């Protein structure tokens, strides 16, 4: 990944930390995942185009809401949301293994 520049509103960052327990500084790392998924956020792309980044951080998949402003990625939301994880796994063809019952047992 080329070196990206990020910015965000500090007040919005604090609100996000209180609500979702994720800082925007941490959210930057979702973009470093080489398997990240970028998707358009069409319902919220009225005044400007908005996007989602779904990227793995540790054991979780973080969903980051952002827009591009010139050459800067402006983050305005982030959280570990189930739907984001499902999209990430579908796009990366991640299949969860279902444990089998041992033979001879019911």
Protein backbone atom coordinates (compact mmCIF):
# COMPACT_ATOMS: atom_id res chain seq x y z
CA UNK A 1 0.00 0.00 0.00
CA UNK A 2 1.32 3.43 -0.85
CA UNK A 3 1.67 5.83 2.01
CA UNK A 4 -1.77 7.29 2.60
CA UNK A 5 -2.62 10.45 4.48
CA UNK A 6 -5.52 10.42 6.90
CA UNK A 7 -7.48 13.08 8.70
CA UNK A 8 -10.56 13.31 10.89
CA UNK A 9 -12.49 15.60 13.18
CA UNK A 10 -11.11 15.16 16.74
CA UNK A 11 -14.58 15.66 18.27
CA UNK A 12 -16.06 12.98 15.97
CA UNK A 13 -13.17 10.68 16.91
CA UNK A 14 -13.98 11.00 20.61
CA UNK A 15 -17.68 10.38 19.93
CA UNK A 16 -16.78 7.28 17.93
CA UNK A 17 -14.53 6.00 20.74
CA UNK A 18 -17.34 6.40 23.26
CA UNK A 19 -19.94 4.76 21.02
CA UNK A 20 -17.92 2.02 19.26
CA UNK A 21 -14.70 1.78 21.34
CA UNK A 22 -12.54 2.38 18.25
CA UNK A 23 -10.29 5.38 17.64
CA UNK A 24 -9.77 6.75 14.17
CA UNK A 25 -6.02 6.32 14.69
CA UNK A 26 -6.68 2.57 15.05
CA UNK A 27 -9.10 2.63 12.09
CA UNK A 28 -6.24 3.60 9.74
CA UNK A 29 -4.86 0.07 10.06
CA UNK A 30 -7.87 -1.42 8.24
CA UNK A 31 -6.47 0.18 5.07
CA UNK A 32 -3.17 -1.70 5.53
CA UNK A 33 -4.88 -5.08 5.16
CA UNK A 34 -3.89 -6.32 1.69
CA UNK A 35 -7.26 -8.13 1.51
CA UNK A 36 -9.28 -5.05 2.47
CA UNK A 37 -12.54 -4.46 0.67
CA UNK A 38 -13.60 -0.98 -0.45
CA UNK A 39 -17.30 -0.48 -1.19
CA UNK A 40 -19.38 2.54 -2.14
CA UNK A 41 -21.74 3.91 0.50
CA UNK A 42 -24.35 4.98 -2.02
CA UNK A 43 -27.16 5.94 0.41
CA UNK A 44 -24.83 8.46 2.12
CA UNK A 45 -23.12 9.77 -1.04
CA UNK A 46 -25.27 12.86 -1.51
CA UNK A 47 -22.93 15.82 -1.02
CA UNK A 48 -19.77 13.77 -1.70
CA UNK A 49 -18.92 10.18 -2.54
CA UNK A 50 -18.56 8.04 0.58
CA UNK A 51 -17.12 4.59 1.06
CA UNK A 52 -16.60 1.71 3.45
CA UNK A 53 -13.30 -0.01 4.06
CA UNK A 54 -13.56 -3.51 5.55
CA UNK A 55 -10.16 -4.60 6.86
CA UNK A 56 -8.82 -7.14 9.30
CA UNK A 57 -7.15 -5.84 12.43
CA UNK A 58 -5.95 -8.66 14.66
CA UNK A 59 -8.79 -11.16 15.02
CA UNK A 60 -11.55 -8.74 13.98
CA UNK A 61 -12.79 -7.06 10.82
CA UNK A 62 -13.15 -3.31 11.18
CA UNK A 63 -15.60 -1.30 9.10
CA UNK A 64 -14.39 2.24 8.41
CA UNK A 65 -16.63 4.91 6.87
CA UNK A 66 -14.63 7.46 4.89
CA UNK A 67 -14.38 9.79 1.92
CA UNK A 68 -11.54 11.08 -0.24
CA UNK A 69 -10.80 14.78 -0.05
CA UNK A 70 -8.13 15.56 -2.60
CA UNK A 71 -5.29 13.15 -1.68
CA UNK A 72 -6.44 12.58 1.90
CA UNK A 73 -8.63 9.85 3.36
CA UNK A 74 -11.07 11.50 5.78
CA UNK A 75 -12.43 9.04 8.34
CA UNK A 76 -15.79 9.77 9.95
CA UNK A 77 -16.85 6.44 11.46
CA UNK A 78 -15.46 3.05 12.50
CA UNK A 79 -16.62 -0.02 14.34
CA UNK A 80 -16.57 -3.79 14.49
CA UNK A 81 -19.92 -4.49 12.82
CA UNK A 82 -21.22 -7.94 11.93
CA UNK A 83 -22.34 -6.88 8.45
CA UNK A 84 -18.87 -5.55 7.61
CA UNK A 85 -17.30 -8.84 8.67
CA UNK A 86 -19.79 -10.76 6.51
CA UNK A 87 -18.96 -8.62 3.46
CA UNK A 88 -15.22 -9.02 4.07
CA UNK A 89 -15.51 -12.79 4.39
CA UNK A 90 -17.73 -13.09 1.30
CA UNK A 91 -15.42 -10.97 -0.86
CA UNK A 92 -12.31 -12.82 0.35
CA UNK A 93 -14.02 -16.22 0.08
CA UNK A 94 -13.46 -16.97 3.75
CA UNK A 95 -15.38 -20.06 4.81
CA UNK A 96 -15.90 -20.96 8.41
CA UNK A 97 -15.37 -24.58 9.23
CA UNK A 98 -18.29 -26.27 10.92
CA UNK A 99 -17.10 -28.89 13.40
CA UNK A 100 -18.32 -32.38 12.59
CA UNK A 101 -19.79 -34.72 15.12
CA UNK A 102 -17.53 -37.67 15.87
CA UNK A 103 -18.68 -40.83 14.08
CA UNK A 104 -20.74 -43.23 16.09
CA UNK A 105 -22.21 -40.53 18.34
CA UNK A 106 -25.54 -38.83 18.09
